[in-house]
Amino acid sequence: MPPAVVRDDGLAELLELPAGAPLGVGGIDFVPTELTLPPGSILVLYTDGLVEARCADIDQRLTQLLDVLSANSGLSLDGLSQAVVDGLAPAPDDDVALLLARICPPKPGSE
């Protein structure tokens, strides 16, 4: 599943990165990717169980994820996480893992 980012202005989008092993699968080589995100952005990593559902097309579910992220971008990370889970329910037919990380500005002198 492609990671998502919520920009500081509240816009959520999927990141276009090379395909790799699903989050949580071990024992498979992967190619690390570096990207620069502006301070205040939120990186969103999740398993396919969050967006795959028998009742909906995957593209619809990814759009739904982005809509929920954008609409709730001002919440705390805990609140945003709960909004995502609630907004995509009742679909989880699988285990779900969701990781949100806010990008903080570097500390002075740490570069």
N, C-alpha and C. Protein backbone atom coordinates (compact mmCIF):
# COMPACT_ATOMS: atom_id res chain seq x y z
N MET A 1 0.84 -1.17 0.00
CA MET A 1 0.00 0.00 0.00
C MET A 1 0.88 1.24 0.00
N PRO A 2 0.54 2.21 -0.81
CA PRO A 2 1.37 3.42 -0.85
C PRO A 2 1.21 4.24 0.42
N PRO A 3 2.32 4.74 0.96
CA PRO A 3 2.20 5.62 2.12
C PRO A 3 1.45 6.89 1.72
N ALA A 4 0.87 7.54 2.69
CA ALA A 4 0.21 8.82 2.46
C ALA A 4 0.93 9.88 3.28
N VAL A 5 0.76 11.11 2.86
CA VAL A 5 1.28 12.24 3.63
C VAL A 5 0.17 13.28 3.73
N VAL A 6 0.05 13.85 4.91
CA VAL A 6 -0.86 14.97 5.12
C VAL A 6 0.02 16.20 5.27
N ARG A 7 -0.08 17.10 4.30
CA ARG A 7 0.73 18.32 4.32
C ARG A 7 0.24 19.26 5.42
N ASP A 8 1.05 20.20 5.77
CA ASP A 8 0.73 21.16 6.83
C ASP A 8 -0.54 21.94 6.52
N ASP A 9 -0.87 22.09 5.22
CA ASP A 9 -2.09 22.82 4.84
C ASP A 9 -3.33 21.93 4.88
N GLY A 10 -3.17 20.64 5.27
CA GLY A 10 -4.30 19.72 5.39
C GLY A 10 -4.53 18.85 4.17
N LEU A 11 -3.83 19.09 3.07
CA LEU A 11 -4.00 18.27 1.88
C LEU A 11 -3.35 16.90 2.08
N ALA A 12 -4.10 15.85 1.83
CA ALA A 12 -3.57 14.48 1.95
C ALA A 12 -3.38 13.92 0.54
N GLU A 13 -2.27 13.21 0.38
CA GLU A 13 -1.99 12.59 -0.92
C GLU A 13 -1.19 11.31 -0.71
N LEU A 14 -1.28 10.44 -1.70
CA LEU A 14 -0.49 9.21 -1.68
C LEU A 14 0.89 9.51 -2.24
N LEU A 15 1.90 8.90 -1.67
CA LEU A 15 3.27 9.07 -2.15
C LEU A 15 3.56 8.03 -3.22
N GLU A 16 4.15 8.47 -4.30
CA GLU A 16 4.53 7.55 -5.37
C GLU A 16 5.95 7.05 -5.09
N LEU A 17 6.02 5.82 -4.62
CA LEU A 17 7.29 5.20 -4.29
C LEU A 17 7.39 3.86 -5.00
N PRO A 18 8.60 3.34 -5.15
CA PRO A 18 8.73 2.01 -5.76
C PRO A 18 7.97 0.97 -4.94
N ALA A 19 7.36 0.01 -5.62
CA ALA A 19 6.64 -1.06 -4.93
C ALA A 19 7.61 -1.90 -4.12
N GLY A 20 7.14 -2.39 -3.01
CA GLY A 20 7.98 -3.23 -2.16
C GLY A 20 7.13 -4.20 -1.38
N ALA A 21 7.74 -4.88 -0.45
CA ALA A 21 7.02 -5.85 0.38
C ALA A 21 6.01 -5.11 1.26
N PRO A 22 4.89 -5.75 1.57
CA PRO A 22 3.91 -5.12 2.46
C PRO A 22 4.50 -4.84 3.84
N LEU A 23 3.98 -3.80 4.47
CA LEU A 23 4.39 -3.44 5.82
C LEU A 23 4.21 -4.64 6.74
N GLY A 24 5.24 -4.99 7.48
CA GLY A 24 5.16 -6.08 8.44
C GLY A 24 5.69 -7.41 7.94
N VAL A 25 5.98 -7.52 6.65
CA VAL A 25 6.51 -8.77 6.11
C VAL A 25 8.02 -8.76 6.29
N GLY A 26 8.54 -9.79 6.90
CA GLY A 26 9.98 -9.85 7.15
C GLY A 26 10.68 -10.79 6.20
N GLY A 27 12.00 -10.75 6.22
CA GLY A 27 12.80 -11.67 5.44
C GLY A 27 12.88 -11.35 3.96
N ILE A 28 12.46 -10.16 3.57
CA ILE A 28 12.49 -9.78 2.16
C ILE A 28 13.34 -8.52 2.04
N ASP A 29 14.25 -8.52 1.07
CA ASP A 29 15.07 -7.33 0.85
C ASP A 29 14.20 -6.18 0.39
N PHE A 30 14.59 -4.98 0.77
CA PHE A 30 13.87 -3.79 0.32
C PHE A 30 14.88 -2.70 0.02
N VAL A 31 14.45 -1.76 -0.78
CA VAL A 31 15.29 -0.64 -1.14
C VAL A 31 14.82 0.57 -0.34
N PRO A 32 15.68 1.13 0.51
CA PRO A 32 15.26 2.31 1.28
C PRO A 32 15.07 3.51 0.35
N THR A 33 14.13 4.34 0.71
CA THR A 33 13.85 5.55 -0.05
C THR A 33 13.89 6.73 0.90
N GLU A 34 14.56 7.78 0.49
CA GLU A 34 14.61 9.00 1.28
C GLU A 34 13.77 10.05 0.60
N LEU A 35 13.02 10.80 1.41
CA LEU A 35 12.28 11.93 0.88
C LEU A 35 12.23 13.00 1.94
N THR A 36 12.05 14.21 1.51
CA THR A 36 11.99 15.33 2.42
C THR A 36 10.55 15.80 2.51
N LEU A 37 10.06 15.85 3.73
CA LEU A 37 8.70 16.34 3.98
C LEU A 37 8.80 17.60 4.82
N PRO A 38 7.96 18.58 4.55
CA PRO A 38 8.03 19.81 5.33
C PRO A 38 7.60 19.59 6.77
N PRO A 39 8.18 20.36 7.70
CA PRO A 39 7.76 20.27 9.11
C PRO A 39 6.25 20.45 9.23
N GLY A 40 5.67 19.67 10.12
CA GLY A 40 4.23 19.71 10.33
C GLY A 40 3.48 18.67 9.53
N SER A 41 4.12 18.11 8.52
CA SER A 41 3.48 17.05 7.72
C SER A 41 3.32 15.80 8.57
N ILE A 42 2.37 14.96 8.17
CA ILE A 42 2.14 13.70 8.85
C ILE A 42 2.33 12.57 7.85
N LEU A 43 3.24 11.65 8.16
CA LEU A 43 3.45 10.47 7.34
C LEU A 43 2.50 9.39 7.83
N VAL A 44 1.80 8.74 6.89
CA VAL A 44 0.78 7.74 7.23
C VAL A 44 1.16 6.41 6.58
N LEU A 45 1.46 5.43 7.42
CA LEU A 45 1.76 4.07 6.97
C LEU A 45 0.64 3.17 7.47
N TYR A 46 0.24 2.20 6.67
CA TYR A 46 -0.88 1.34 7.03
C TYR A 46 -0.78 0.02 6.28
N THR A 47 -1.44 -0.98 6.80
CA THR A 47 -1.50 -2.27 6.13
C THR A 47 -2.71 -2.30 5.20
N ASP A 48 -2.72 -3.27 4.31
CA ASP A 48 -3.82 -3.38 3.34
C ASP A 48 -5.17 -3.65 4.00
N GLY A 49 -5.15 -4.18 5.22
CA GLY A 49 -6.40 -4.45 5.92
C GLY A 49 -7.21 -3.20 6.19
N LEU A 50 -6.57 -2.04 6.19
CA LEU A 50 -7.29 -0.79 6.43
C LEU A 50 -8.14 -0.39 5.22
N VAL A 51 -7.64 -0.65 4.03
CA VAL A 51 -8.31 -0.13 2.83
C VAL A 51 -8.92 -1.19 1.93
N GLU A 52 -8.57 -2.44 2.12
CA GLU A 52 -9.18 -3.49 1.29
C GLU A 52 -10.48 -3.93 1.92
N ALA A 53 -11.52 -3.99 1.10
CA ALA A 53 -12.83 -4.41 1.57
C ALA A 53 -13.54 -5.12 0.43
N ARG A 54 -14.29 -6.14 0.77
CA ARG A 54 -15.04 -6.89 -0.25
C ARG A 54 -16.09 -6.03 -0.93
N CYS A 55 -16.60 -5.04 -0.20
CA CYS A 55 -17.73 -4.25 -0.69
C CYS A 55 -17.33 -3.02 -1.50
N ALA A 56 -16.03 -2.76 -1.67
CA ALA A 56 -15.63 -1.53 -2.36
C ALA A 56 -14.34 -1.74 -3.15
N ASP A 57 -14.20 -0.96 -4.19
CA ASP A 57 -13.02 -0.94 -5.03
C ASP A 57 -11.86 -0.32 -4.24
N ILE A 58 -10.64 -0.82 -4.43
CA ILE A 58 -9.48 -0.33 -3.69
C ILE A 58 -9.24 1.16 -3.95
N ASP A 59 -9.45 1.61 -5.17
CA ASP A 59 -9.26 3.03 -5.47
C ASP A 59 -10.25 3.90 -4.70
N GLN A 60 -11.48 3.42 -4.56
CA GLN A 60 -12.48 4.13 -3.77
C GLN A 60 -12.04 4.22 -2.31
N ARG A 61 -11.52 3.13 -1.81
CA ARG A 61 -11.10 3.10 -0.40
C ARG A 61 -9.88 4.00 -0.16
N LEU A 62 -8.95 4.04 -1.11
CA LEU A 62 -7.80 4.93 -0.97
C LEU A 62 -8.25 6.39 -1.01
N THR A 63 -9.20 6.70 -1.89
CA THR A 63 -9.76 8.05 -1.93
C THR A 63 -10.46 8.38 -0.62
N GLN A 64 -11.17 7.41 -0.09
CA GLN A 64 -11.86 7.60 1.20
C GLN A 64 -10.83 7.87 2.30
N LEU A 65 -9.72 7.14 2.30
CA LEU A 65 -8.65 7.37 3.28
C LEU A 65 -8.14 8.81 3.18
N LEU A 66 -7.85 9.26 1.97
CA LEU A 66 -7.34 10.62 1.78
C LEU A 66 -8.37 11.66 2.22
N ASP A 67 -9.64 11.41 1.93
CA ASP A 67 -10.70 12.34 2.36
C ASP A 67 -10.76 12.45 3.88
N VAL A 68 -10.68 11.31 4.56
CA VAL A 68 -10.73 11.31 6.03
C VAL A 68 -9.50 12.02 6.60
N LEU A 69 -8.34 11.75 6.03
CA LEU A 69 -7.11 12.41 6.50
C LEU A 69 -7.20 13.92 6.32
N SER A 70 -7.64 14.37 5.16
CA SER A 70 -7.75 15.81 4.89
C SER A 70 -8.77 16.48 5.81
N ALA A 71 -9.91 15.84 5.98
CA ALA A 71 -11.00 16.43 6.77
C ALA A 71 -10.66 16.52 8.25
N ASN A 72 -9.72 15.71 8.70
CA ASN A 72 -9.40 15.64 10.14
C ASN A 72 -7.95 16.01 10.44
N SER A 73 -7.29 16.69 9.50
CA SER A 73 -5.85 16.95 9.63
C SER A 73 -5.48 17.81 10.84
N GLY A 74 -6.41 18.57 11.37
CA GLY A 74 -6.12 19.42 12.52
C GLY A 74 -6.16 18.71 13.86
N LEU A 75 -6.56 17.45 13.86
CA LEU A 75 -6.64 16.69 15.12
C LEU A 75 -5.26 16.26 15.59
N SER A 76 -5.18 15.85 16.84
CA SER A 76 -3.96 15.24 17.36
C SER A 76 -3.72 13.93 16.60
N LEU A 77 -2.54 13.37 16.74
CA LEU A 77 -2.27 12.09 16.06
C LEU A 77 -3.22 11.01 16.56
N ASP A 78 -3.51 10.98 17.86
CA ASP A 78 -4.47 10.00 18.39
C ASP A 78 -5.85 10.22 17.78
N GLY A 79 -6.28 11.48 17.73
CA GLY A 79 -7.58 11.79 17.17
C GLY A 79 -7.67 11.47 15.69
N LEU A 80 -6.61 11.77 14.95
CA LEU A 80 -6.59 11.48 13.52
C LEU A 80 -6.61 9.97 13.28
N SER A 81 -5.86 9.25 14.08
CA SER A 81 -5.84 7.79 13.97
C SER A 81 -7.24 7.22 14.19
N GLN A 82 -7.92 7.70 15.22
CA GLN A 82 -9.28 7.22 15.51
C GLN A 82 -10.24 7.61 14.38
N ALA A 83 -10.08 8.82 13.83
CA ALA A 83 -10.94 9.26 12.73
C ALA A 83 -10.75 8.37 11.50
N VAL A 84 -9.52 7.97 11.23
CA VAL A 84 -9.24 7.08 10.09
C VAL A 84 -9.91 5.73 10.30
N VAL A 85 -9.72 5.15 11.46
CA VAL A 85 -10.33 3.84 11.74
C VAL A 85 -11.85 3.93 11.68
N ASP A 86 -12.42 4.97 12.30
CA ASP A 86 -13.87 5.15 12.28
C ASP A 86 -14.38 5.44 10.87
N GLY A 87 -13.64 6.25 10.12
CA GLY A 87 -14.06 6.65 8.78
C GLY A 87 -14.02 5.55 7.76
N LEU A 88 -13.19 4.54 8.01
CA LEU A 88 -13.08 3.43 7.06
C LEU A 88 -13.82 2.19 7.54
N ALA A 89 -14.46 2.27 8.70
CA ALA A 89 -15.27 1.15 9.19
C ALA A 89 -16.54 1.08 8.36
N PRO A 90 -17.20 -0.01 8.27
CA PRO A 90 -16.96 -1.28 8.95
C PRO A 90 -16.11 -2.25 8.14
N ALA A 91 -15.33 -1.75 7.21
CA ALA A 91 -14.67 -2.61 6.25
C ALA A 91 -13.65 -3.59 6.75
N PRO A 92 -12.89 -3.32 7.80
CA PRO A 92 -11.79 -4.25 8.06
C PRO A 92 -12.20 -5.72 8.10
N ASP A 93 -11.81 -6.41 7.05
CA ASP A 93 -12.01 -7.86 6.97
C ASP A 93 -10.71 -8.56 7.35
N ASP A 94 -9.74 -7.79 7.78
CA ASP A 94 -8.38 -8.27 8.00
C ASP A 94 -7.82 -7.48 9.19
N ASP A 95 -6.66 -7.91 9.67
CA ASP A 95 -5.99 -7.14 10.71
C ASP A 95 -5.56 -5.80 10.13
N VAL A 96 -5.53 -4.80 10.98
CA VAL A 96 -5.18 -3.45 10.55
C VAL A 96 -4.05 -2.91 11.41
N ALA A 97 -3.04 -2.33 10.76
CA ALA A 97 -1.99 -1.59 11.45
C ALA A 97 -1.95 -0.20 10.83
N LEU A 98 -1.85 0.81 11.67
CA LEU A 98 -1.83 2.20 11.23
C LEU A 98 -0.76 2.92 12.03
N LEU A 99 0.13 3.61 11.34
CA LEU A 99 1.20 4.36 11.99
C LEU A 99 1.19 5.78 11.45
N LEU A 100 1.06 6.75 12.35
CA LEU A 100 1.11 8.16 11.98
C LEU A 100 2.34 8.78 12.64
N ALA A 101 3.09 9.56 11.87
CA ALA A 101 4.28 10.21 12.42
C ALA A 101 4.32 11.66 11.93
N ARG A 102 4.35 12.60 12.88
CA ARG A 102 4.41 14.02 12.52
C ARG A 102 5.88 14.40 12.33
N ILE A 103 6.16 15.10 11.24
CA ILE A 103 7.51 15.54 10.95
C ILE A 103 7.76 16.85 11.71
N CYS A 104 8.74 16.80 12.59
CA CYS A 104 9.07 17.97 13.41
C CYS A 104 10.28 18.68 12.80
N PRO A 105 10.38 19.98 13.01
CA PRO A 105 11.57 20.69 12.49
C PRO A 105 12.81 20.21 13.21
N PRO A 106 13.95 20.22 12.52
CA PRO A 106 15.19 19.81 13.19
C PRO A 106 15.54 20.76 14.33
N LYS A 107 16.17 20.21 15.35
CA LYS A 107 16.63 21.05 16.47
C LYS A 107 17.82 21.87 16.01
N PRO A 108 17.91 23.08 16.46
CA PRO A 108 19.06 23.93 16.07
C PRO A 108 20.39 23.24 16.37
N GLY A 109 21.28 23.26 15.39
CA GLY A 109 22.59 22.67 15.56
C GLY A 109 22.65 21.17 15.36
N SER A 110 21.53 20.54 14.96
CA SER A 110 21.53 19.08 14.81
C SER A 110 21.84 18.65 13.38
N GLU A 111 22.01 19.60 12.49
CA GLU A 111 22.27 19.24 11.09
C GLU A 111 23.73 19.07 10.82
